[in-house]
Amino acid sequence: MQKSPIVKKQTAKRKQNVIQPNRRGKTLDFVTIVERYKSAIVGVEVTQENTRPRNAMLPFGFPWEAMPNQEPQALNIGTGFVFDPRGYILTNEHVIHGASKVMVQMLGKEKPIAAKVVGTNYEHDLAVLKVTLPKNGSLLKLGHSKDVKVGEWVLAVGNPLGLDHSVTVGIVSAKERPMQIGDRTYPHLLQTDAAINRGNSGGPLINLRGEVIGINTAVSQSSQGIGFAIAIDVVRDALKAMMGSAYQEGEL
């Protein structure tokens, strides 16, 4: 369906307010990627009910920050990233699961801003949030995990232990790793040796073209250098259902 002139104009205006992704497919160095896209990565803070993560998930080591048996409080428990100029953010469902209130901390902003939960997919552990973006922010383009090669360089950016915008570097160690974590099945995980720690959940795994190829989701507690990310092609397939009428095929 063709967009109306009004919708086209509004979309173009939003795109002018954000730094656009690298559309030429050029390989970038680590410093350029971080400087260009760091404002697209956000901290996700939630107000939770008096609950804690399901025990079945804990032995594997979800990067989850939660305090047991306490009154509801705001915790910086995860990461997300802006992928759409209209203010849409991707993160893990387990980051916001059970949250009564979700806030997003943008780079350089003193206070977090309220986020609306647009849609979730429990099975694939995905969630889409929406905020009003500040001017001159940036967004990250979704890549294609089918094109990912084992051995290629990647960056993981997130908020491990509340240390915002921490960057680690590694390679893609393997593809198509199936994993059962609690009652969720992850059939197409990317494995990486880029350090992923508690608080990195929902953050982007970025290739050298500045594209997101995975969403950092889990880390092995028994070993170092073994982290897992949901392949971005799985995310693409789930976006339409999560975003509903807001989904714009071909724009992502």
C-alpha atoms as a PDB file:
ATOM      1  CA  MET A   1       0.000   0.000   0.000  1.00  0.00           C
ATOM      2  CA  GLN A   2       1.395   3.383  -0.987  1.00  0.00           C
ATOM      3  CA  LYS A   3       1.979   5.986   1.722  1.00  0.00           C
ATOM      4  CA  SER A   4       0.022   9.223   1.616  1.00  0.00           C
ATOM      5  CA  PRO A   5       1.995  12.468   1.056  1.00  0.00           C
ATOM      6  CA  ILE A   6       1.336  13.456   4.683  1.00  0.00           C
ATOM      7  CA  VAL A   7       2.781  10.196   6.058  1.00  0.00           C
ATOM      8  CA  LYS A   8       5.793  10.492   3.747  1.00  0.00           C
ATOM      9  CA  LYS A   9       6.430  14.050   4.946  1.00  0.00           C
ATOM     10  CA  GLN A  10       6.161  13.065   8.619  1.00  0.00           C
ATOM     11  CA  THR A  11       8.508  10.108   8.135  1.00  0.00           C
ATOM     12  CA  ALA A  12      11.047  12.276   6.308  1.00  0.00           C
ATOM     13  CA  LYS A  13      10.917  14.851   9.109  1.00  0.00           C
ATOM     14  CA  ARG A  14      11.600  12.202  11.754  1.00  0.00           C
ATOM     15  CA  LYS A  15      14.567  10.905   9.768  1.00  0.00           C
ATOM     16  CA  GLN A  16      16.053  14.400   9.684  1.00  0.00           C
ATOM     17  CA  ASN A  17      16.132  14.442  13.482  1.00  0.00           C
ATOM     18  CA  VAL A  18      18.291  11.325  13.851  1.00  0.00           C
ATOM     19  CA  ILE A  19      21.681  10.211  12.611  1.00  0.00           C
ATOM     20  CA  GLN A  20      21.033   7.685   9.870  1.00  0.00           C
ATOM     21  CA  PRO A  21      22.682   4.251   9.664  1.00  0.00           C
ATOM     22  CA  ASN A  22      25.565   3.407   7.366  1.00  0.00           C
ATOM     23  CA  ARG A  23      23.632   2.627   4.165  1.00  0.00           C
ATOM     24  CA  ARG A  24      26.552   1.969   1.860  1.00  0.00           C
ATOM     25  CA  GLY A  25      27.615  -1.232   3.563  1.00  0.00           C
ATOM     26  CA  LYS A  26      31.129   0.075   4.193  1.00  0.00           C
ATOM     27  CA  THR A  27      33.272  -1.581   6.824  1.00  0.00           C
ATOM     28  CA  LEU A  28      33.833   0.762   9.760  1.00  0.00           C
ATOM     29  CA  ASP A  29      36.402   0.706  12.551  1.00  0.00           C
ATOM     30  CA  PHE A  30      35.411   0.126  16.175  1.00  0.00           C
ATOM     31  CA  VAL A  31      35.821   3.762  17.218  1.00  0.00           C
ATOM     32  CA  THR A  32      33.658   5.058  14.353  1.00  0.00           C
ATOM     33  CA  ILE A  33      30.884   2.580  15.142  1.00  0.00           C
ATOM     34  CA  VAL A  34      30.823   3.536  18.817  1.00  0.00           C
ATOM     35  CA  GLU A  35      30.924   7.278  18.161  1.00  0.00           C
ATOM     36  CA  ARG A  36      28.281   7.150  15.438  1.00  0.00           C
ATOM     37  CA  TYR A  37      25.740   4.869  17.092  1.00  0.00           C
ATOM     38  CA  LYS A  38      26.258   5.073  20.863  1.00  0.00           C
ATOM     39  CA  SER A  39      23.251   7.370  21.328  1.00  0.00           C
ATOM     40  CA  ALA A  40      21.027   4.641  19.840  1.00  0.00           C
ATOM     41  CA  ILE A  41      21.764   2.354  22.802  1.00  0.00           C
ATOM     42  CA  VAL A  42      19.632   2.935  25.896  1.00  0.00           C
ATOM     43  CA  GLY A  43      19.328   1.681  29.423  1.00  0.00           C
ATOM     44  CA  VAL A  44      16.027   0.041  30.340  1.00  0.00           C
ATOM     45  CA  GLU A  45      14.786   0.613  33.877  1.00  0.00           C
ATOM     46  CA  VAL A  46      11.671  -1.031  35.238  1.00  0.00           C
ATOM     47  CA  THR A  47       9.464  -0.850  38.270  1.00  0.00           C
ATOM     48  CA  GLN A  48       8.667  -4.426  39.136  1.00  0.00           C
ATOM     49  CA  GLU A  49       6.143  -6.051  41.356  1.00  0.00           C
ATOM     50  CA  ASN A  50       7.520  -8.062  44.262  1.00  0.00           C
ATOM     51  CA  THR A  51       8.764 -10.878  42.066  1.00  0.00           C
ATOM     52  CA  ARG A  52      12.032 -12.338  40.848  1.00  0.00           C
ATOM     53  CA  PRO A  53      13.045 -14.146  37.647  1.00  0.00           C
ATOM     54  CA  ARG A  54      11.979 -17.731  37.229  1.00  0.00           C
ATOM     55  CA  ASN A  55      14.483 -20.059  38.910  1.00  0.00           C
ATOM     56  CA  ALA A  56      14.668 -22.241  35.806  1.00  0.00           C
ATOM     57  CA  MET A  57      16.354 -19.396  33.973  1.00  0.00           C
ATOM     58  CA  LEU A  58      18.932 -18.511  36.604  1.00  0.00           C
ATOM     59  CA  PRO A  59      21.395 -21.439  36.317  1.00  0.00           C
ATOM     60  CA  PHE A  60      22.102 -20.624  32.689  1.00  0.00           C
ATOM     61  CA  GLY A  61      22.757 -17.020  33.533  1.00  0.00           C
ATOM     62  CA  PHE A  62      20.384 -14.491  32.080  1.00  0.00           C
ATOM     63  CA  PRO A  63      21.985 -11.050  32.405  1.00  0.00           C
ATOM     64  CA  TRP A  64      19.258 -10.007  34.843  1.00  0.00           C
ATOM     65  CA  GLU A  65      19.435  -7.580  37.737  1.00  0.00           C
ATOM     66  CA  ALA A  66      16.764  -8.326  40.316  1.00  0.00           C
ATOM     67  CA  MET A  67      16.530  -8.118  44.085  1.00  0.00           C
ATOM     68  CA  PRO A  68      14.442 -10.842  45.762  1.00  0.00           C
ATOM     69  CA  ASN A  69      11.680 -10.168  48.258  1.00  0.00           C
ATOM     70  CA  GLN A  70      11.785  -6.387  48.169  1.00  0.00           C
ATOM     71  CA  GLU A  71       9.225  -3.691  47.567  1.00  0.00           C
ATOM     72  CA  PRO A  72       8.824  -2.581  43.939  1.00  0.00           C
ATOM     73  CA  GLN A  73      11.744  -0.363  42.906  1.00  0.00           C
ATOM     74  CA  ALA A  74      13.436   0.972  39.794  1.00  0.00           C
ATOM     75  CA  LEU A  75      16.360  -1.156  38.650  1.00  0.00           C
ATOM     76  CA  ASN A  76      18.605  -0.688  35.660  1.00  0.00           C
ATOM     77  CA  ILE A  77      18.247  -4.267  34.566  1.00  0.00           C
ATOM     78  CA  GLY A  78      18.857  -4.204  30.849  1.00  0.00           C
ATOM     79  CA  THR A  79      19.630  -2.572  27.559  1.00  0.00           C
ATOM     80  CA  GLY A  80      17.766  -1.676  24.383  1.00  0.00           C
ATOM     81  CA  PHE A  81      18.447   0.114  21.130  1.00  0.00           C
ATOM     82  CA  VAL A  82      16.596   2.481  18.811  1.00  0.00           C
ATOM     83  CA  PHE A  83      15.937   0.913  15.414  1.00  0.00           C
ATOM     84  CA  ASP A  84      13.245   3.199  13.985  1.00  0.00           C
ATOM     85  CA  PRO A  85      13.172   7.029  13.706  1.00  0.00           C
ATOM     86  CA  ARG A  86       9.684   7.089  15.196  1.00  0.00           C
ATOM     87  CA  GLY A  87      11.170   6.109  18.562  1.00  0.00           C
ATOM     88  CA  TYR A  88      10.808   2.325  18.545  1.00  0.00           C
ATOM     89  CA  ILE A  89      13.246   0.367  20.701  1.00  0.00           C
ATOM     90  CA  LEU A  90      14.066  -3.342  20.752  1.00  0.00           C
ATOM     91  CA  THR A  91      14.959  -5.271  23.907  1.00  0.00           C
ATOM     92  CA  ASN A  92      14.417  -8.692  25.492  1.00  0.00           C
ATOM     93  CA  GLU A  93      11.013  -9.666  26.847  1.00  0.00           C
ATOM     94  CA  HIS A  94      12.622 -11.012  30.018  1.00  0.00           C
ATOM     95  CA  VAL A  95      14.009  -7.525  30.718  1.00  0.00           C
ATOM     96  CA  ILE A  96      10.521  -6.027  31.070  1.00  0.00           C
ATOM     97  CA  HIS A  97       8.623  -9.165  32.132  1.00  0.00           C
ATOM     98  CA  GLY A  98       6.382  -8.358  35.086  1.00  0.00           C
ATOM     99  CA  ALA A  99       7.132  -4.640  34.938  1.00  0.00           C
ATOM    100  CA  SER A 100       4.424  -2.206  35.977  1.00  0.00           C
ATOM    101  CA  LYS A 101       6.430   0.739  34.650  1.00  0.00           C
ATOM    102  CA  VAL A 102       9.203   0.975  32.048  1.00  0.00           C
ATOM    103  CA  MET A 103      11.653   3.864  31.769  1.00  0.00           C
ATOM    104  CA  VAL A 104      14.428   4.416  29.241  1.00  0.00           C
ATOM    105  CA  GLN A 105      17.696   6.205  29.957  1.00  0.00           C
ATOM    106  CA  MET A 106      19.023   8.001  26.883  1.00  0.00           C
ATOM    107  CA  LEU A 107      22.682   8.906  26.490  1.00  0.00           C
ATOM    108  CA  GLY A 108      23.477  12.351  27.866  1.00  0.00           C
ATOM    109  CA  LYS A 109      20.064  12.836  29.473  1.00  0.00           C
ATOM    110  CA  GLU A 110      19.873  13.518  33.187  1.00  0.00           C
ATOM    111  CA  LYS A 111      16.609  11.693  33.787  1.00  0.00           C
ATOM    112  CA  PRO A 112      15.017   8.611  32.199  1.00  0.00           C
ATOM    113  CA  ILE A 113      11.900   9.000  30.081  1.00  0.00           C
ATOM    114  CA  ALA A 114       8.741   6.913  30.113  1.00  0.00           C
ATOM    115  CA  ALA A 115       8.460   4.140  27.551  1.00  0.00           C
ATOM    116  CA  LYS A 116       5.346   2.458  26.225  1.00  0.00           C
ATOM    117  CA  VAL A 117       5.376  -1.296  25.687  1.00  0.00           C
ATOM    118  CA  VAL A 118       4.147  -1.655  22.096  1.00  0.00           C
ATOM    119  CA  GLY A 119       4.329  -5.422  21.835  1.00  0.00           C
ATOM    120  CA  THR A 120       6.040  -8.519  23.175  1.00  0.00           C
ATOM    121  CA  ASN A 121       6.849 -12.027  22.018  1.00  0.00           C
ATOM    122  CA  TYR A 122       7.402 -14.325  24.991  1.00  0.00           C
ATOM    123  CA  GLU A 123       8.385 -17.342  22.908  1.00  0.00           C
ATOM    124  CA  HIS A 124      11.243 -15.514  21.170  1.00  0.00           C
ATOM    125  CA  ASP A 125      12.046 -13.308  24.196  1.00  0.00           C
ATOM    126  CA  LEU A 126      11.508 -10.022  22.343  1.00  0.00           C
ATOM    127  CA  ALA A 127       9.851  -6.710  23.185  1.00  0.00           C
ATOM    128  CA  VAL A 128       9.274  -3.423  21.367  1.00  0.00           C
ATOM    129  CA  LEU A 129       9.101  -0.160  23.312  1.00  0.00           C
ATOM    130  CA  LYS A 130       8.319   3.360  22.124  1.00  0.00           C
ATOM    131  CA  VAL A 131       9.614   6.715  23.349  1.00  0.00           C
ATOM    132  CA  THR A 132       9.754  10.285  22.120  1.00  0.00           C
ATOM    133  CA  LEU A 133      13.245  10.632  20.696  1.00  0.00           C
ATOM    134  CA  PRO A 134      15.422  13.652  21.419  1.00  0.00           C
ATOM    135  CA  LYS A 135      16.823  15.527  18.440  1.00  0.00           C
ATOM    136  CA  ASN A 136      20.155  14.511  16.936  1.00  0.00           C
ATOM    137  CA  GLY A 137      19.999  10.991  18.281  1.00  0.00           C
ATOM    138  CA  SER A 138      21.010   7.987  16.245  1.00  0.00           C
ATOM    139  CA  LEU A 139      19.446   4.690  15.272  1.00  0.00           C
ATOM    140  CA  LEU A 140      20.801   1.282  14.407  1.00  0.00           C
ATOM    141  CA  LYS A 141      19.935  -0.552  11.229  1.00  0.00           C
ATOM    142  CA  LEU A 142      18.889  -4.188  11.402  1.00  0.00           C
ATOM    143  CA  GLY A 143      21.210  -6.404   9.389  1.00  0.00           C
ATOM    144  CA  HIS A 144      20.667  -9.972   8.173  1.00  0.00           C
ATOM    145  CA  SER A 145      21.999 -12.804  10.301  1.00  0.00           C
ATOM    146  CA  LYS A 146      21.874 -15.211   7.357  1.00  0.00           C
ATOM    147  CA  ASP A 147      24.817 -13.248   5.951  1.00  0.00           C
ATOM    148  CA  VAL A 148      26.865 -13.519   9.147  1.00  0.00           C
ATOM    149  CA  LYS A 149      30.121 -15.449   8.891  1.00  0.00           C
ATOM    150  CA  VAL A 150      31.710 -17.362  11.754  1.00  0.00           C
ATOM    151  CA  GLY A 151      34.910 -15.539  12.653  1.00  0.00           C
ATOM    152  CA  GLU A 152      33.764 -12.012  11.770  1.00  0.00           C
ATOM    153  CA  TRP A 153      34.283  -9.189  14.249  1.00  0.00           C
ATOM    154  CA  VAL A 154      31.382  -7.952  16.373  1.00  0.00           C
ATOM    155  CA  LEU A 155      30.774  -5.405  19.138  1.00  0.00           C
ATOM    156  CA  ALA A 156      28.467  -5.843  22.121  1.00  0.00           C
ATOM    157  CA  VAL A 157      27.227  -2.621  23.722  1.00  0.00           C
ATOM    158  CA  GLY A 158      25.169  -2.424  26.869  1.00  0.00           C
ATOM    159  CA  ASN A 159      24.851  -1.609  30.556  1.00  0.00           C
ATOM    160  CA  PRO A 160      26.556  -4.464  32.439  1.00  0.00           C
ATOM    161  CA  LEU A 161      26.152  -4.014  36.190  1.00  0.00           C
ATOM    162  CA  GLY A 162      24.801  -0.533  35.500  1.00  0.00           C
ATOM    163  CA  LEU A 163      27.961   0.618  33.687  1.00  0.00           C
ATOM    164  CA  ASP A 164      26.211   2.339  30.802  1.00  0.00           C
ATOM    165  CA  HIS A 165      27.438   2.149  27.218  1.00  0.00           C
ATOM    166  CA  SER A 166      30.162  -0.387  27.930  1.00  0.00           C
ATOM    167  CA  VAL A 167      31.668  -1.768  24.721  1.00  0.00           C
ATOM    168  CA  THR A 168      33.232  -5.193  24.275  1.00  0.00           C
ATOM    169  CA  VAL A 169      34.650  -6.749  21.135  1.00  0.00           C
ATOM    170  CA  GLY A 170      34.881 -10.325  19.911  1.00  0.00           C
ATOM    171  CA  ILE A 171      34.007 -12.586  17.030  1.00  0.00           C
ATOM    172  CA  VAL A 172      31.054 -14.704  16.002  1.00  0.00           C
ATOM    173  CA  SER A 173      32.034 -18.086  17.431  1.00  0.00           C
ATOM    174  CA  ALA A 174      29.162 -20.110  15.957  1.00  0.00           C
ATOM    175  CA  LYS A 175      25.721 -19.838  14.369  1.00  0.00           C
ATOM    176  CA  GLU A 176      22.418 -21.681  14.732  1.00  0.00           C
ATOM    177  CA  ARG A 177      22.972 -22.740  18.337  1.00  0.00           C
ATOM    178  CA  PRO A 178      19.757 -24.285  19.730  1.00  0.00           C
ATOM    179  CA  MET A 179      19.157 -23.700  23.425  1.00  0.00           C
ATOM    180  CA  GLN A 180      16.439 -24.443  25.973  1.00  0.00           C
ATOM    181  CA  ILE A 181      16.266 -21.929  28.824  1.00  0.00           C
ATOM    182  CA  GLY A 182      13.408 -22.488  31.210  1.00  0.00           C
ATOM    183  CA  ASP A 183      10.242 -22.774  29.124  1.00  0.00           C
ATOM    184  CA  ARG A 184      11.707 -20.896  26.151  1.00  0.00           C
ATOM    185  CA  THR A 185      13.360 -22.506  23.163  1.00  0.00           C
ATOM    186  CA  TYR A 186      15.943 -20.507  21.218  1.00  0.00           C
ATOM    187  CA  PRO A 187      16.601 -22.325  17.922  1.00  0.00           C
ATOM    188  CA  HIS A 188      18.866 -19.839  16.116  1.00  0.00           C
ATOM    189  CA  LEU A 189      21.268 -18.253  18.589  1.00  0.00           C
ATOM    190  CA  LEU A 190      24.532 -16.643  17.569  1.00  0.00           C
ATOM    191  CA  GLN A 191      27.442 -17.531  19.840  1.00  0.00           C
ATOM    192  CA  THR A 192      30.103 -14.914  20.541  1.00  0.00           C
ATOM    193  CA  ASP A 193      33.153 -14.452  22.732  1.00  0.00           C
ATOM    194  CA  ALA A 194      32.459 -10.719  23.114  1.00  0.00           C
ATOM    195  CA  ALA A 195      31.951 -10.239  26.848  1.00  0.00           C
ATOM    196  CA  ILE A 196      28.264 -10.232  27.789  1.00  0.00           C
ATOM    197  CA  ASN A 197      27.443  -9.667  31.445  1.00  0.00           C
ATOM    198  CA  ARG A 198      24.473  -8.997  33.696  1.00  0.00           C
ATOM    199  CA  GLY A 199      22.678  -5.940  32.361  1.00  0.00           C
ATOM    200  CA  ASN A 200      23.615  -6.517  28.712  1.00  0.00           C
ATOM    201  CA  SER A 201      20.294  -8.224  27.961  1.00  0.00           C
ATOM    202  CA  GLY A 202      18.500  -6.579  25.043  1.00  0.00           C
ATOM    203  CA  GLY A 203      21.586  -4.799  23.775  1.00  0.00           C
ATOM    204  CA  PRO A 204      22.809  -5.011  20.186  1.00  0.00           C
ATOM    205  CA  LEU A 205      25.461  -7.280  18.725  1.00  0.00           C
ATOM    206  CA  ILE A 206      26.861  -5.104  15.926  1.00  0.00           C
ATOM    207  CA  ASN A 207      28.932  -6.025  12.874  1.00  0.00           C
ATOM    208  CA  LEU A 208      31.603  -3.851  11.263  1.00  0.00           C
ATOM    209  CA  ARG A 209      29.040  -2.271   8.931  1.00  0.00           C
ATOM    210  CA  GLY A 210      27.243  -0.817  11.927  1.00  0.00           C
ATOM    211  CA  GLU A 211      24.316  -3.248  11.575  1.00  0.00           C
ATOM    212  CA  VAL A 212      22.629  -5.171  14.367  1.00  0.00           C
ATOM    213  CA  ILE A 213      22.981  -8.900  13.709  1.00  0.00           C
ATOM    214  CA  GLY A 214      21.736 -10.113  17.081  1.00  0.00           C
ATOM    215  CA  ILE A 215      20.202  -9.151  20.422  1.00  0.00           C
ATOM    216  CA  ASN A 216      22.399 -10.104  23.375  1.00  0.00           C
ATOM    217  CA  THR A 217      20.387 -12.434  25.553  1.00  0.00           C
ATOM    218  CA  ALA A 218      22.295 -14.968  27.642  1.00  0.00           C
ATOM    219  CA  VAL A 219      25.723 -15.833  28.995  1.00  0.00           C
ATOM    220  CA  SER A 220      27.132 -19.080  30.330  1.00  0.00           C
ATOM    221  CA  GLN A 221      27.944 -18.687  34.013  1.00  0.00           C
ATOM    222  CA  SER A 222      30.184 -21.750  34.051  1.00  0.00           C
ATOM    223  CA  SER A 223      32.534 -20.550  31.309  1.00  0.00           C
ATOM    224  CA  GLN A 224      34.122 -17.337  30.115  1.00  0.00           C
ATOM    225  CA  GLY A 225      33.816 -16.126  26.552  1.00  0.00           C
ATOM    226  CA  ILE A 226      30.525 -17.865  25.774  1.00  0.00           C
ATOM    227  CA  GLY A 227      27.655 -15.486  25.149  1.00  0.00           C
ATOM    228  CA  PHE A 228      24.535 -15.814  23.035  1.00  0.00           C
ATOM    229  CA  ALA A 229      22.443 -13.433  20.950  1.00  0.00           C
ATOM    230  CA  ILE A 230      19.093 -13.895  19.221  1.00  0.00           C
ATOM    231  CA  ALA A 231      19.720 -13.854  15.466  1.00  0.00           C
ATOM    232  CA  ILE A 232      18.293 -10.688  13.934  1.00  0.00           C
ATOM    233  CA  ASP A 233      16.420 -12.608  11.224  1.00  0.00           C
ATOM    234  CA  VAL A 234      14.301 -14.138  14.014  1.00  0.00           C
ATOM    235  CA  VAL A 235      13.616 -10.609  15.252  1.00  0.00           C
ATOM    236  CA  ARG A 236      12.608  -9.418  11.786  1.00  0.00           C
ATOM    237  CA  ASP A 237      10.089 -12.250  11.489  1.00  0.00           C
ATOM    238  CA  ALA A 238       8.510 -11.322  14.835  1.00  0.00           C
ATOM    239  CA  LEU A 239       8.384  -7.538  14.382  1.00  0.00           C
ATOM    240  CA  LYS A 240       5.219  -7.335  12.300  1.00  0.00           C
ATOM    241  CA  ALA A 241       3.120  -9.073  14.934  1.00  0.00           C
ATOM    242  CA  MET A 242       4.638  -7.015  17.763  1.00  0.00           C
ATOM    243  CA  MET A 243       4.276  -3.631  16.053  1.00  0.00           C
ATOM    244  CA  GLY A 244       0.910  -4.156  14.385  1.00  0.00           C
ATOM    245  CA  SER A 245      -0.161  -1.328  12.086  1.00  0.00           C
ATOM    246  CA  ALA A 246       3.011   0.615  12.948  1.00  0.00           C
ATOM    247  CA  TYR A 247       5.152  -1.944  11.142  1.00  0.00           C
ATOM    248  CA  GLN A 248       6.628  -0.577   7.923  1.00  0.00           C
ATOM    249  CA  GLU A 249       8.066  -3.291   5.722  1.00  0.00           C
ATOM    250  CA  GLY A 250      11.124  -2.147   3.828  1.00  0.00           C
ATOM    251  CA  GLU A 251      11.894   0.650   6.292  1.00  0.00           C
ATOM    252  CA  LEU A 252      13.919  -1.477   8.701  1.00  0.00           C
END
